[in-house]
C-alpha atoms as a PDB file:
ATOM      1  CA  MET A   1      34.611 -44.074 -19.791  1.00  0.00           C
ATOM      2  CA  ARG A   2      32.845 -45.841 -16.967  1.00  0.00           C
ATOM      3  CA  LEU A   3      34.579 -43.601 -14.396  1.00  0.00           C
ATOM      4  CA  LYS A   4      33.417 -40.464 -16.190  1.00  0.00           C
ATOM      5  CA  SER A   5      29.915 -41.858 -16.454  1.00  0.00           C
ATOM      6  CA  LEU A   6      29.893 -42.641 -12.726  1.00  0.00           C
ATOM      7  CA  LYS A   7      31.122 -39.141 -11.863  1.00  0.00           C
ATOM      8  CA  SER A   8      28.426 -37.666 -14.085  1.00  0.00           C
ATOM      9  CA  LYS A   9      25.733 -39.685 -12.354  1.00  0.00           C
ATOM     10  CA  VAL A  10      27.027 -38.706  -8.913  1.00  0.00           C
ATOM     11  CA  LEU A  11      27.062 -35.020  -9.922  1.00  0.00           C
ATOM     12  CA  THR A  12      23.530 -35.281 -11.310  1.00  0.00           C
ATOM     13  CA  CYS A  13      22.261 -36.941  -8.157  1.00  0.00           C
ATOM     14  CA  SER A  14      23.987 -34.299  -6.033  1.00  0.00           C
ATOM     15  CA  LEU A  15      22.265 -31.538  -7.950  1.00  0.00           C
ATOM     16  CA  LEU A  16      18.905 -33.244  -7.566  1.00  0.00           C
ATOM     17  CA  VAL A  17      19.405 -33.560  -3.828  1.00  0.00           C
ATOM     18  CA  LEU A  18      20.461 -29.901  -3.637  1.00  0.00           C
ATOM     19  CA  VAL A  19      17.314 -28.804  -5.474  1.00  0.00           C
ATOM     20  CA  SER A  20      14.977 -31.063  -3.551  1.00  0.00           C
ATOM     21  CA  THR A  21      16.297 -29.967  -0.130  1.00  0.00           C
ATOM     22  CA  SER A  22      16.430 -26.233  -0.928  1.00  0.00           C
ATOM     23  CA  THR A  23      14.295 -23.917   1.181  1.00  0.00           C
ATOM     24  CA  TYR A  24      13.739 -21.545  -1.749  1.00  0.00           C
ATOM     25  CA  VAL A  25      11.575 -21.752  -4.841  1.00  0.00           C
ATOM     26  CA  GLN A  26      11.646 -19.088  -7.565  1.00  0.00           C
ATOM     27  CA  ALA A  27       7.883 -18.769  -7.954  1.00  0.00           C
ATOM     28  CA  ALA A  28       5.195 -17.655  -5.537  1.00  0.00           C
ATOM     29  CA  THR A  29       1.442 -18.079  -5.352  1.00  0.00           C
ATOM     30  CA  TYR A  30      -0.668 -15.389  -3.713  1.00  0.00           C
ATOM     31  CA  THR A  31      -4.275 -15.874  -2.603  1.00  0.00           C
ATOM     32  CA  VAL A  32      -6.403 -12.768  -3.202  1.00  0.00           C
ATOM     33  CA  LYS A  33      -8.239 -11.484  -0.144  1.00  0.00           C
ATOM     34  CA  SER A  34     -11.089  -8.995   0.264  1.00  0.00           C
ATOM     35  CA  GLY A  35      -9.996  -5.413  -0.459  1.00  0.00           C
ATOM     36  CA  ASP A  36      -7.062  -6.452  -2.660  1.00  0.00           C
ATOM     37  CA  SER A  37      -6.227  -4.898  -6.010  1.00  0.00           C
ATOM     38  CA  LEU A  38      -3.525  -5.708  -8.539  1.00  0.00           C
ATOM     39  CA  PHE A  39      -1.840  -2.419  -7.673  1.00  0.00           C
ATOM     40  CA  LYS A  40      -1.760  -3.236  -3.953  1.00  0.00           C
ATOM     41  CA  ILE A  41      -0.459  -6.766  -4.566  1.00  0.00           C
ATOM     42  CA  GLY A  42       2.148  -5.378  -6.939  1.00  0.00           C
ATOM     43  CA  LYS A  43       3.311  -2.918  -4.280  1.00  0.00           C
ATOM     44  CA  LEU A  44       3.642  -5.750  -1.783  1.00  0.00           C
ATOM     45  CA  PHE A  45       5.795  -7.845  -4.120  1.00  0.00           C
ATOM     46  CA  ASN A  46       7.532  -4.890  -5.798  1.00  0.00           C
ATOM     47  CA  VAL A  47       6.249  -5.707  -9.288  1.00  0.00           C
ATOM     48  CA  SER A  48       3.989  -3.747 -11.615  1.00  0.00           C
ATOM     49  CA  TYR A  49       0.304  -4.594 -11.890  1.00  0.00           C
ATOM     50  CA  ASN A  50       0.829  -4.987 -15.652  1.00  0.00           C
ATOM     51  CA  THR A  51       3.375  -7.729 -14.967  1.00  0.00           C
ATOM     52  CA  ILE A  52       0.884  -9.565 -12.740  1.00  0.00           C
ATOM     53  CA  MET A  53      -1.773  -9.283 -15.466  1.00  0.00           C
ATOM     54  CA  ASN A  54       0.617 -10.631 -18.122  1.00  0.00           C
ATOM     55  CA  ASP A  55       1.954 -13.466 -15.945  1.00  0.00           C
ATOM     56  CA  ASN A  56      -1.582 -14.605 -15.139  1.00  0.00           C
ATOM     57  CA  SER A  57      -3.097 -13.956 -18.596  1.00  0.00           C
ATOM     58  CA  LEU A  58      -5.655 -11.590 -17.080  1.00  0.00           C
ATOM     59  CA  LYS A  59      -7.766  -9.592 -19.522  1.00  0.00           C
ATOM     60  CA  SER A  60      -8.828  -7.031 -16.896  1.00  0.00           C
ATOM     61  CA  SER A  61      -7.699  -5.796 -13.488  1.00  0.00           C
ATOM     62  CA  LEU A  62     -10.756  -7.369 -11.827  1.00  0.00           C
ATOM     63  CA  ILE A  63      -9.810  -9.990  -9.224  1.00  0.00           C
ATOM     64  CA  TYR A  64     -11.793 -11.939  -6.649  1.00  0.00           C
ATOM     65  CA  PRO A  65     -11.184 -13.091  -3.047  1.00  0.00           C
ATOM     66  CA  GLY A  66      -9.821 -16.633  -3.051  1.00  0.00           C
ATOM     67  CA  GLU A  67      -8.328 -16.315  -6.545  1.00  0.00           C
ATOM     68  CA  LYS A  68      -4.770 -17.668  -6.884  1.00  0.00           C
ATOM     69  CA  LEU A  69      -2.227 -15.452  -8.632  1.00  0.00           C
ATOM     70  CA  TYR A  70       1.207 -16.522  -9.879  1.00  0.00           C
ATOM     71  CA  LEU A  71       4.000 -14.105  -8.958  1.00  0.00           C
ATOM     72  CA  ASN A  72       7.567 -14.192 -10.205  1.00  0.00           C
ATOM     73  CA  SER A  73       8.899 -13.969  -6.680  1.00  0.00           C
ATOM     74  CA  THR A  74      10.463 -16.220  -4.059  1.00  0.00           C
ATOM     75  CA  GLU A  75       8.749 -18.838  -1.955  1.00  0.00           C
ATOM     76  CA  TYR A  76      10.340 -20.084   1.250  1.00  0.00           C
ATOM     77  CA  ILE A  77       9.752 -23.492   2.802  1.00  0.00           C
ATOM     78  CA  VAL A  78       9.581 -23.235   6.583  1.00  0.00           C
ATOM     79  CA  LYS A  79      12.068 -25.427   8.444  1.00  0.00           C
ATOM     80  CA  SER A  80      12.403 -26.447  12.077  1.00  0.00           C
ATOM     81  CA  GLY A  81      13.270 -23.509  14.346  1.00  0.00           C
ATOM     82  CA  ASP A  82      11.910 -20.844  12.009  1.00  0.00           C
ATOM     83  CA  SER A  83       9.662 -17.962  13.089  1.00  0.00           C
ATOM     84  CA  LEU A  84       8.005 -15.157  11.136  1.00  0.00           C
ATOM     85  CA  PHE A  85      10.344 -12.655  12.780  1.00  0.00           C
ATOM     86  CA  LYS A  86      13.425 -14.675  11.833  1.00  0.00           C
ATOM     87  CA  ILE A  87      12.283 -15.238   8.245  1.00  0.00           C
ATOM     88  CA  ALA A  88      11.382 -11.548   7.771  1.00  0.00           C
ATOM     89  CA  LYS A  89      14.719 -10.430   9.236  1.00  0.00           C
ATOM     90  CA  ASN A  90      16.728 -12.847   7.074  1.00  0.00           C
ATOM     91  CA  HIS A  91      15.006 -11.523   3.946  1.00  0.00           C
ATOM     92  CA  GLY A  92      15.252  -7.841   4.868  1.00  0.00           C
ATOM     93  CA  ILE A  93      11.497  -7.305   4.866  1.00  0.00           C
ATOM     94  CA  SER A  94       8.952  -6.253   7.473  1.00  0.00           C
ATOM     95  CA  ILE A  95       7.040  -8.893   9.412  1.00  0.00           C
ATOM     96  CA  ASP A  96       3.830  -6.994   8.513  1.00  0.00           C
ATOM     97  CA  ASN A  97       4.522  -7.460   4.805  1.00  0.00           C
ATOM     98  CA  LEU A  98       5.350 -11.131   5.346  1.00  0.00           C
ATOM     99  CA  ARG A  99       1.993 -11.584   7.090  1.00  0.00           C
ATOM    100  CA  LEU A 100       0.138  -9.687   4.344  1.00  0.00           C
ATOM    101  CA  ALA A 101       1.766 -11.726   1.591  1.00  0.00           C
ATOM    102  CA  ASN A 102       0.575 -14.951   3.199  1.00  0.00           C
ATOM    103  CA  ASN A 103      -2.730 -13.920   4.816  1.00  0.00           C
ATOM    104  CA  ILE A 104      -1.280 -14.695   8.254  1.00  0.00           C
ATOM    105  CA  TYR A 105      -2.755 -12.747  11.157  1.00  0.00           C
ATOM    106  CA  GLY A 106      -0.805 -14.243  14.054  1.00  0.00           C
ATOM    107  CA  ASN A 107       2.641 -15.758  14.518  1.00  0.00           C
ATOM    108  CA  LEU A 108       1.887 -19.465  14.045  1.00  0.00           C
ATOM    109  CA  ILE A 109       3.729 -21.224  11.214  1.00  0.00           C
ATOM    110  CA  TYR A 110       4.594 -24.891  10.755  1.00  0.00           C
ATOM    111  CA  GLN A 111       7.440 -26.914   9.282  1.00  0.00           C
ATOM    112  CA  SER A 112       7.248 -27.413   5.481  1.00  0.00           C
ATOM    113  CA  GLN A 113       4.738 -24.552   5.159  1.00  0.00           C
ATOM    114  CA  VAL A 114       5.348 -22.590   1.944  1.00  0.00           C
ATOM    115  CA  LEU A 115       5.536 -18.806   2.381  1.00  0.00           C
ATOM    116  CA  ALA A 116       5.538 -16.166  -0.365  1.00  0.00           C
ATOM    117  CA  ILE A 117       8.358 -13.697   0.224  1.00  0.00           C
ATOM    118  CA  PRO A 118       7.801 -10.049  -0.811  1.00  0.00           C
ATOM    119  CA  LYS A 119      10.847  -8.535  -2.452  1.00  0.00           C
ATOM    120  CA  GLU A 120      13.278  -6.521  -0.360  1.00  0.00           C
ATOM    121  CA  GLY A 121      12.347  -2.832  -0.477  1.00  0.00           C
ATOM    122  CA  SER A 122       8.625  -3.376  -1.036  1.00  0.00           C
ATOM    123  CA  ASP A 123       6.454  -0.809   0.716  1.00  0.00           C
ATOM    124  CA  VAL A 124       4.468  -1.602   3.839  1.00  0.00           C
ATOM    125  CA  VAL A 125       0.774  -1.310   3.068  1.00  0.00           C
ATOM    126  CA  ASN A 126      -1.241   0.695   5.600  1.00  0.00           C
ATOM    127  CA  THR A 127       1.687   2.284   7.387  1.00  0.00           C
ATOM    128  CA  PRO A 128       0.625   3.274  10.922  1.00  0.00           C
ATOM    129  CA  ASN A 129       1.078   6.849  12.088  1.00  0.00           C
ATOM    130  CA  LYS A 130       2.137   7.404  15.676  1.00  0.00           C
ATOM    131  CA  ASN A 131       0.654  10.903  15.837  1.00  0.00           C
ATOM    132  CA  LEU A 132      -2.857   9.443  15.469  1.00  0.00           C
ATOM    133  CA  ASN A 133      -2.592   8.306  19.086  1.00  0.00           C
ATOM    134  CA  THR A 134      -1.448  11.662  20.454  1.00  0.00           C
ATOM    135  CA  PRO A 135      -4.235  13.828  21.980  1.00  0.00           C
ATOM    136  CA  ILE A 136      -4.843  17.010  19.987  1.00  0.00           C
ATOM    137  CA  GLU A 137      -4.611  19.123  23.123  1.00  0.00           C
ATOM    138  CA  ASN A 138      -0.960  18.115  23.329  1.00  0.00           C
ATOM    139  CA  LYS A 139      -0.214  19.356  19.810  1.00  0.00           C
ATOM    140  CA  SER A 140      -0.005  22.668  17.978  1.00  0.00           C
ATOM    141  CA  ALA A 141      -1.772  23.365  14.688  1.00  0.00           C
ATOM    142  CA  ILE A 142       0.616  23.217  11.738  1.00  0.00           C
ATOM    143  CA  MET A 143      -1.034  26.250  10.111  1.00  0.00           C
ATOM    144  CA  LYS A 144      -3.650  28.881  10.845  1.00  0.00           C
ATOM    145  CA  TYR A 145      -7.186  27.865   9.931  1.00  0.00           C
ATOM    146  CA  SER A 146     -10.737  29.114  10.356  1.00  0.00           C
ATOM    147  CA  ASN A 147     -13.890  27.197  11.182  1.00  0.00           C
ATOM    148  CA  GLU A 148     -14.796  27.510   7.508  1.00  0.00           C
ATOM    149  CA  ASP A 149     -11.451  25.930   6.530  1.00  0.00           C
ATOM    150  CA  LEU A 150     -12.021  23.026   8.925  1.00  0.00           C
ATOM    151  CA  ASP A 151     -15.554  22.460   7.609  1.00  0.00           C
ATOM    152  CA  LEU A 152     -14.427  22.559   3.959  1.00  0.00           C
ATOM    153  CA  LEU A 153     -11.567  20.164   4.641  1.00  0.00           C
ATOM    154  CA  ALA A 154     -13.901  17.774   6.481  1.00  0.00           C
ATOM    155  CA  ARG A 155     -16.436  17.889   3.642  1.00  0.00           C
ATOM    156  CA  LEU A 156     -13.716  16.963   1.146  1.00  0.00           C
ATOM    157  CA  VAL A 157     -12.616  14.083   3.384  1.00  0.00           C
ATOM    158  CA  THR A 158     -16.224  12.852   3.600  1.00  0.00           C
ATOM    159  CA  ALA A 159     -16.694  13.012  -0.164  1.00  0.00           C
ATOM    160  CA  GLU A 160     -13.382  11.329  -0.976  1.00  0.00           C
ATOM    161  CA  SER A 161     -12.937   8.698   1.723  1.00  0.00           C
ATOM    162  CA  GLU A 162     -16.044   8.108   3.842  1.00  0.00           C
ATOM    163  CA  SER A 163     -15.916   4.335   3.275  1.00  0.00           C
ATOM    164  CA  GLU A 164     -12.152   4.113   3.883  1.00  0.00           C
ATOM    165  CA  PRO A 165     -10.244   3.459   7.139  1.00  0.00           C
ATOM    166  CA  TYR A 166      -9.918   6.391   9.540  1.00  0.00           C
ATOM    167  CA  SER A 167      -6.195   6.732   8.806  1.00  0.00           C
ATOM    168  CA  ALA A 168      -7.047   7.181   5.106  1.00  0.00           C
ATOM    169  CA  LYS A 169      -9.356  10.061   6.021  1.00  0.00           C
ATOM    170  CA  VAL A 170      -6.580  11.765   7.960  1.00  0.00           C
ATOM    171  CA  ALA A 171      -4.242  11.146   5.024  1.00  0.00           C
ATOM    172  CA  VAL A 172      -6.655  12.783   2.537  1.00  0.00           C
ATOM    173  CA  ALA A 173      -6.821  15.878   4.728  1.00  0.00           C
ATOM    174  CA  ALA A 174      -3.039  15.825   5.091  1.00  0.00           C
ATOM    175  CA  VAL A 175      -2.569  15.850   1.304  1.00  0.00           C
ATOM    176  CA  VAL A 176      -4.514  19.119   1.111  1.00  0.00           C
ATOM    177  CA  LEU A 177      -2.336  20.622   3.845  1.00  0.00           C
ATOM    178  CA  ASN A 178       0.833  19.326   2.190  1.00  0.00           C
ATOM    179  CA  ARG A 179      -0.236  21.153  -0.959  1.00  0.00           C
ATOM    180  CA  VAL A 180      -0.834  24.350   1.019  1.00  0.00           C
ATOM    181  CA  LYS A 181       2.745  24.109   2.316  1.00  0.00           C
ATOM    182  CA  SER A 182       4.132  23.315  -1.155  1.00  0.00           C
ATOM    183  CA  THR A 183       5.324  26.043  -3.507  1.00  0.00           C
ATOM    184  CA  ILE A 184       3.662  24.453  -6.549  1.00  0.00           C
ATOM    185  CA  PHE A 185       0.075  24.675  -5.258  1.00  0.00           C
ATOM    186  CA  PRO A 186      -2.112  27.510  -3.887  1.00  0.00           C
ATOM    187  CA  SER A 187      -1.313  28.726  -0.369  1.00  0.00           C
ATOM    188  CA  SER A 188      -4.695  28.344   1.374  1.00  0.00           C
ATOM    189  CA  ILE A 189      -6.973  25.404   2.164  1.00  0.00           C
ATOM    190  CA  LYS A 190      -9.871  26.834   0.175  1.00  0.00           C
ATOM    191  CA  ASP A 191      -7.754  27.615  -2.868  1.00  0.00           C
ATOM    192  CA  VAL A 192      -6.187  24.139  -2.836  1.00  0.00           C
ATOM    193  CA  VAL A 193      -9.566  22.391  -2.550  1.00  0.00           C
ATOM    194  CA  TYR A 194     -11.022  24.433  -5.449  1.00  0.00           C
ATOM    195  CA  ASP A 195      -7.800  24.447  -7.466  1.00  0.00           C
ATOM    196  CA  LYS A 196      -8.022  23.920 -11.244  1.00  0.00           C
ATOM    197  CA  SER A 197      -5.275  22.677 -13.538  1.00  0.00           C
ATOM    198  CA  ASP A 198      -5.697  23.086 -17.305  1.00  0.00           C
ATOM    199  CA  GLY A 199      -9.375  23.779 -16.675  1.00  0.00           C
ATOM    200  CA  TYR A 200      -9.932  20.653 -14.555  1.00  0.00           C
ATOM    201  CA  TYR A 201     -10.671  20.575 -10.845  1.00  0.00           C
ATOM    202  CA  GLN A 202      -7.961  18.833  -8.831  1.00  0.00           C
ATOM    203  CA  PHE A 203     -10.543  17.177  -6.572  1.00  0.00           C
ATOM    204  CA  THR A 204     -13.573  15.472  -8.138  1.00  0.00           C
ATOM    205  CA  PRO A 205     -16.059  16.442  -5.354  1.00  0.00           C
ATOM    206  CA  THR A 206     -15.654  20.129  -6.247  1.00  0.00           C
ATOM    207  CA  MET A 207     -16.705  19.283  -9.792  1.00  0.00           C
ATOM    208  CA  ASN A 208     -19.637  16.939  -9.086  1.00  0.00           C
ATOM    209  CA  GLY A 209     -21.011  18.917  -6.138  1.00  0.00           C
ATOM    210  CA  PHE A 210     -20.326  16.293  -3.451  1.00  0.00           C
ATOM    211  CA  ILE A 211     -18.173  18.891  -1.696  1.00  0.00           C
ATOM    212  CA  ASN A 212     -21.408  20.630  -0.644  1.00  0.00           C
ATOM    213  CA  LYS A 213     -22.663  17.658   1.391  1.00  0.00           C
ATOM    214  CA  PRO A 214     -22.301  17.915   5.203  1.00  0.00           C
ATOM    215  CA  ALA A 215     -19.199  16.360   6.735  1.00  0.00           C
ATOM    216  CA  SER A 216     -19.449  13.261   8.908  1.00  0.00           C
ATOM    217  CA  GLU A 217     -18.242  13.423  12.502  1.00  0.00           C
ATOM    218  CA  SER A 218     -15.349  11.058  11.800  1.00  0.00           C
ATOM    219  CA  SER A 219     -14.258  13.243   8.862  1.00  0.00           C
ATOM    220  CA  LYS A 220     -14.362  16.347  11.066  1.00  0.00           C
ATOM    221  CA  LYS A 221     -12.158  14.573  13.567  1.00  0.00           C
ATOM    222  CA  ALA A 222      -9.798  13.371  10.822  1.00  0.00           C
ATOM    223  CA  ALA A 223      -9.479  16.868   9.339  1.00  0.00           C
ATOM    224  CA  LYS A 224      -8.592  18.262  12.743  1.00  0.00           C
ATOM    225  CA  GLU A 225      -6.043  15.477  13.315  1.00  0.00           C
ATOM    226  CA  ALA A 226      -4.307  16.525  10.093  1.00  0.00           C
ATOM    227  CA  LEU A 227      -4.397  20.206  11.030  1.00  0.00           C
ATOM    228  CA  TYR A 228      -2.605  19.287  14.248  1.00  0.00           C
ATOM    229  CA  GLY A 229       0.188  17.394  12.546  1.00  0.00           C
ATOM    230  CA  SER A 230      -0.926  13.831  11.826  1.00  0.00           C
ATOM    231  CA  ASP A 231       0.054  12.672   8.335  1.00  0.00           C
ATOM    232  CA  PRO A 232      -0.430   8.982   7.482  1.00  0.00           C
ATOM    233  CA  SER A 233       0.193   9.941   3.840  1.00  0.00           C
ATOM    234  CA  ASN A 234       3.892  10.374   4.637  1.00  0.00           C
ATOM    235  CA  GLY A 235       3.958  13.810   2.995  1.00  0.00           C
ATOM    236  CA  ALA A 236       2.069  12.867  -0.180  1.00  0.00           C
ATOM    237  CA  LEU A 237       0.774  15.475  -2.634  1.00  0.00           C
ATOM    238  CA  TYR A 238      -1.556  13.204  -4.608  1.00  0.00           C
ATOM    239  CA  TYR A 239      -4.007  10.390  -3.935  1.00  0.00           C
ATOM    240  CA  PHE A 240      -6.409   8.297  -5.989  1.00  0.00           C
ATOM    241  CA  ASP A 241      -8.232   4.983  -5.686  1.00  0.00           C
ATOM    242  CA  ASP A 242      -6.731   1.723  -6.870  1.00  0.00           C
ATOM    243  CA  SER A 243      -8.882   1.567 -10.010  1.00  0.00           C
ATOM    244  CA  VAL A 244      -6.982   4.452 -11.633  1.00  0.00           C
ATOM    245  CA  THR A 245      -4.985   3.597 -14.776  1.00  0.00           C
ATOM    246  CA  ASN A 246      -3.638   7.100 -15.532  1.00  0.00           C
ATOM    247  CA  LYS A 247       0.043   6.531 -16.364  1.00  0.00           C
ATOM    248  CA  TRP A 248       1.092  10.012 -15.230  1.00  0.00           C
ATOM    249  CA  LEU A 249      -0.368   9.484 -11.760  1.00  0.00           C
ATOM    250  CA  LEU A 250       0.953   5.935 -11.491  1.00  0.00           C
ATOM    251  CA  SER A 251       4.440   7.129 -12.422  1.00  0.00           C
ATOM    252  CA  LYS A 252       4.621   9.345  -9.340  1.00  0.00           C
ATOM    253  CA  LYS A 253       6.801   8.185  -6.439  1.00  0.00           C
ATOM    254  CA  ASP A 254       4.905   5.992  -3.985  1.00  0.00           C
ATOM    255  CA  ALA A 255       4.160   7.169  -0.461  1.00  0.00           C
ATOM    256  CA  VAL A 256       1.735   4.620   1.003  1.00  0.00           C
ATOM    257  CA  VAL A 257      -1.418   2.607   0.276  1.00  0.00           C
ATOM    258  CA  ILE A 258      -4.255   2.820   2.808  1.00  0.00           C
ATOM    259  CA  GLY A 259      -7.425   0.883   2.138  1.00  0.00           C
ATOM    260  CA  LYS A 260      -8.226   1.473  -1.537  1.00  0.00           C
ATOM    261  CA  LEU A 261      -6.437   4.823  -1.686  1.00  0.00           C
ATOM    262  CA  ILE A 262      -2.967   5.188  -3.159  1.00  0.00           C
ATOM    263  CA  PHE A 263      -0.873   8.158  -2.031  1.00  0.00           C
ATOM    264  CA  LYS A 264       1.938   9.571  -4.153  1.00  0.00           C
ATOM    265  CA  TYR A 265       4.586  12.310  -3.983  1.00  0.00           C
END
């Protein structure tokens, strides 16, 4: 009896040592930063925003910079010899997502630091687009367009995304062009912009009159970038801001999140 009791104690102690020296913890804490939304955080950790709300007993989707959110994800305890690149590679995630999940803007980490690990397969937020750095004069337009088409496209971009990053502006314009190329939408820029479905305009600015406001210079440039092949939306056909709760839109396949705009296929 004493031998069994001793073995049991040794086994228990071994398990405690194993747990205490593990570099993984099955719970993560995320600190909200400016510009975050539950949808964006959910995309980073590959969980639904509803799950985050339930796990944190949130009564609304409103969150604040500095707020701590519990996430049913993995935390990793940094050990000697680790680097962000090594940790990201070992977990099959991008180093950009690892930085975003932990509000890290450089490469400096320290031993015993606790890092939240986004789930494998989570989307990179703000995916860069190489074509944005290619001079337009070295490209060919992806479709024929008139000056009126360019102006209309730029006015839509201004109305929909003037306060968003430049890449989001290009992406908004690209969505219109992706619809023109699609067989399920009208076949011209003007007809896509003014398209109605079940009596409702597809783009809010055409309904509220904001489409008639002059385009900003940056929106003109962004519209032209899209016409010459740049597409930070990754081929998306839909976009909306991160306050949307429409289940039909949210059920669409994800393309990318840029700023506060969510792009879907």
